[in-house]
């Protein structure tokens, strides 16, 4: 590995760590109310945007009429409601979607 690439990886690691730790260093005593509010509303908003982004190119007017996407999405929602495990839900939904588009449709 050359020195330039190693230096780039090192700088990116330091910046990423700083971005993760900075809020805890800045707000040691009490977190401002607007930060608490953003922490409550941003995760659902980001998930909604990701769902829209993932389904934006789905064609519902031609075969397979979006069935793989809808079936995988329903499986993610159902599994998450049942197990309350985001990682399990997302990985299972991805696996089902890939299985559906590679084998079934």
C-alpha atoms as a PDB file:
ATOM      1  CA  UNK A   1       0.000   0.000   0.000  1.00  0.00           C
ATOM      2  CA  UNK A   2       1.464   3.349  -0.914  1.00  0.00           C
ATOM      3  CA  UNK A   3       1.913   6.152   1.574  1.00  0.00           C
ATOM      4  CA  UNK A   4      -0.630   8.458  -0.056  1.00  0.00           C
ATOM      5  CA  UNK A   5      -3.446   5.907   0.200  1.00  0.00           C
ATOM      6  CA  UNK A   6      -2.550   5.094   3.807  1.00  0.00           C
ATOM      7  CA  UNK A   7      -2.551   8.797   4.667  1.00  0.00           C
ATOM      8  CA  UNK A   8      -5.954   9.263   3.019  1.00  0.00           C
ATOM      9  CA  UNK A   9      -7.437   6.354   4.959  1.00  0.00           C
ATOM     10  CA  UNK A  10      -5.952   7.702   8.185  1.00  0.00           C
ATOM     11  CA  UNK A  11      -7.348  11.196   7.653  1.00  0.00           C
ATOM     12  CA  UNK A  12     -10.788   9.813   6.772  1.00  0.00           C
ATOM     13  CA  UNK A  13     -10.756   7.645   9.909  1.00  0.00           C
ATOM     14  CA  UNK A  14      -9.848  10.609  12.129  1.00  0.00           C
ATOM     15  CA  UNK A  15     -12.517  12.851  10.568  1.00  0.00           C
ATOM     16  CA  UNK A  16     -15.148  10.125  10.903  1.00  0.00           C
ATOM     17  CA  UNK A  17     -14.228   9.549  14.568  1.00  0.00           C
ATOM     18  CA  UNK A  18     -14.328  13.283  15.279  1.00  0.00           C
ATOM     19  CA  UNK A  19     -17.747  13.610  13.700  1.00  0.00           C
ATOM     20  CA  UNK A  20     -18.993  10.777  15.917  1.00  0.00           C
ATOM     21  CA  UNK A  21     -17.461  12.078  19.160  1.00  0.00           C
ATOM     22  CA  UNK A  22     -17.893  15.829  18.670  1.00  0.00           C
ATOM     23  CA  UNK A  23     -21.535  16.051  19.823  1.00  0.00           C
ATOM     24  CA  UNK A  24     -20.654  14.235  23.059  1.00  0.00           C
ATOM     25  CA  UNK A  25     -17.744  16.584  23.662  1.00  0.00           C
ATOM     26  CA  UNK A  26     -19.749  19.732  22.889  1.00  0.00           C
ATOM     27  CA  UNK A  27     -22.920  18.814  24.818  1.00  0.00           C
ATOM     28  CA  UNK A  28     -21.390  17.226  27.926  1.00  0.00           C
ATOM     29  CA  UNK A  29     -23.821  18.615  30.476  1.00  0.00           C
ATOM     30  CA  UNK A  30     -27.160  18.988  28.713  1.00  0.00           C
ATOM     31  CA  UNK A  31     -28.286  18.459  25.163  1.00  0.00           C
ATOM     32  CA  UNK A  32     -30.156  21.431  23.662  1.00  0.00           C
ATOM     33  CA  UNK A  33     -33.859  20.814  22.979  1.00  0.00           C
ATOM     34  CA  UNK A  34     -33.502  21.278  19.213  1.00  0.00           C
ATOM     35  CA  UNK A  35     -30.870  18.528  19.064  1.00  0.00           C
ATOM     36  CA  UNK A  36     -33.173  16.211  21.024  1.00  0.00           C
ATOM     37  CA  UNK A  37     -36.004  17.104  18.616  1.00  0.00           C
ATOM     38  CA  UNK A  38     -33.833  16.359  15.580  1.00  0.00           C
ATOM     39  CA  UNK A  39     -32.839  13.052  17.142  1.00  0.00           C
ATOM     40  CA  UNK A  40     -36.509  12.113  17.365  1.00  0.00           C
ATOM     41  CA  UNK A  41     -37.726  13.233  13.940  1.00  0.00           C
ATOM     42  CA  UNK A  42     -34.762  12.614  11.634  1.00  0.00           C
ATOM     43  CA  UNK A  43     -34.558   8.786  11.789  1.00  0.00           C
ATOM     44  CA  UNK A  44     -38.156   8.234  10.556  1.00  0.00           C
ATOM     45  CA  UNK A  45     -37.726  10.974   7.943  1.00  0.00           C
ATOM     46  CA  UNK A  46     -34.504   9.412   6.659  1.00  0.00           C
ATOM     47  CA  UNK A  47     -36.114   5.962   6.528  1.00  0.00           C
ATOM     48  CA  UNK A  48     -39.029   7.393   4.554  1.00  0.00           C
ATOM     49  CA  UNK A  49     -36.643   9.019   2.089  1.00  0.00           C
ATOM     50  CA  UNK A  50     -34.723   5.754   1.699  1.00  0.00           C
ATOM     51  CA  UNK A  51     -37.947   3.848   0.967  1.00  0.00           C
ATOM     52  CA  UNK A  52     -38.928   6.402  -1.669  1.00  0.00           C
ATOM     53  CA  UNK A  53     -35.438   6.301  -3.178  1.00  0.00           C
ATOM     54  CA  UNK A  54     -35.458   2.500  -3.320  1.00  0.00           C
ATOM     55  CA  UNK A  55     -38.880   2.321  -4.963  1.00  0.00           C
ATOM     56  CA  UNK A  56     -38.550   5.324  -7.310  1.00  0.00           C
ATOM     57  CA  UNK A  57     -37.656   3.281 -10.401  1.00  0.00           C
ATOM     58  CA  UNK A  58     -40.229   0.550  -9.834  1.00  0.00           C
ATOM     59  CA  UNK A  59     -42.463   0.064 -12.862  1.00  0.00           C
ATOM     60  CA  UNK A  60     -45.968  -0.941 -11.781  1.00  0.00           C
ATOM     61  CA  UNK A  61     -47.383  -0.993 -15.318  1.00  0.00           C
ATOM     62  CA  UNK A  62     -45.176  -3.751 -16.784  1.00  0.00           C
ATOM     63  CA  UNK A  63     -44.467  -7.290 -15.664  1.00  0.00           C
ATOM     64  CA  UNK A  64     -43.611  -8.169 -12.916  1.00  0.00           C
ATOM     65  CA  UNK A  65     -45.626  -5.091 -11.841  1.00  0.00           C
ATOM     66  CA  UNK A  66     -43.370  -4.270  -8.889  1.00  0.00           C
ATOM     67  CA  UNK A  67     -44.137  -7.568  -7.140  1.00  0.00           C
ATOM     68  CA  UNK A  68     -40.546  -8.286  -6.018  1.00  0.00           C
ATOM     69  CA  UNK A  69     -40.221  -4.815  -4.500  1.00  0.00           C
ATOM     70  CA  UNK A  70     -43.627  -4.911  -2.820  1.00  0.00           C
ATOM     71  CA  UNK A  71     -43.137  -8.448  -1.488  1.00  0.00           C
ATOM     72  CA  UNK A  72     -39.682  -7.654  -0.107  1.00  0.00           C
ATOM     73  CA  UNK A  73     -40.939  -4.395   1.422  1.00  0.00           C
ATOM     74  CA  UNK A  74     -43.857  -6.142   3.105  1.00  0.00           C
ATOM     75  CA  UNK A  75     -41.496  -8.772   4.438  1.00  0.00           C
ATOM     76  CA  UNK A  76     -39.199  -6.083   5.893  1.00  0.00           C
ATOM     77  CA  UNK A  77     -42.125  -4.340   7.593  1.00  0.00           C
ATOM     78  CA  UNK A  78     -43.630  -7.583   8.896  1.00  0.00           C
ATOM     79  CA  UNK A  79     -40.345  -8.952  10.166  1.00  0.00           C
ATOM     80  CA  UNK A  80     -39.484  -5.666  11.829  1.00  0.00           C
ATOM     81  CA  UNK A  81     -42.871  -5.474  13.553  1.00  0.00           C
ATOM     82  CA  UNK A  82     -42.399  -9.044  14.752  1.00  0.00           C
ATOM     83  CA  UNK A  83     -38.723  -9.123  15.784  1.00  0.00           C
ATOM     84  CA  UNK A  84     -37.935  -5.396  16.267  1.00  0.00           C
ATOM     85  CA  UNK A  85     -34.491  -5.932  14.739  1.00  0.00           C
ATOM     86  CA  UNK A  86     -33.607  -3.509  11.939  1.00  0.00           C
ATOM     87  CA  UNK A  87     -30.514  -5.402  10.816  1.00  0.00           C
ATOM     88  CA  UNK A  88     -32.390  -8.689  10.560  1.00  0.00           C
ATOM     89  CA  UNK A  89     -35.271  -7.016   8.713  1.00  0.00           C
ATOM     90  CA  UNK A  90     -33.070  -5.231   6.179  1.00  0.00           C
ATOM     91  CA  UNK A  91     -30.815  -8.216   5.504  1.00  0.00           C
ATOM     92  CA  UNK A  92     -33.787 -10.559   5.136  1.00  0.00           C
ATOM     93  CA  UNK A  93     -35.600  -8.132   2.839  1.00  0.00           C
ATOM     94  CA  UNK A  94     -32.506  -7.757   0.684  1.00  0.00           C
ATOM     95  CA  UNK A  95     -32.041 -11.523   0.489  1.00  0.00           C
ATOM     96  CA  UNK A  96     -35.702 -12.091  -0.407  1.00  0.00           C
ATOM     97  CA  UNK A  97     -35.609  -9.361  -3.047  1.00  0.00           C
ATOM     98  CA  UNK A  98     -32.472 -10.802  -4.655  1.00  0.00           C
ATOM     99  CA  UNK A  99     -33.943 -14.294  -4.569  1.00  0.00           C
ATOM    100  CA  UNK A 100     -37.167 -13.054  -6.160  1.00  0.00           C
ATOM    101  CA  UNK A 101     -35.501 -11.141  -9.011  1.00  0.00           C
ATOM    102  CA  UNK A 102     -32.898 -13.842  -9.693  1.00  0.00           C
ATOM    103  CA  UNK A 103     -34.995 -17.004  -9.387  1.00  0.00           C
ATOM    104  CA  UNK A 104     -38.714 -16.246  -9.467  1.00  0.00           C
ATOM    105  CA  UNK A 105     -39.220 -13.228 -11.757  1.00  0.00           C
END
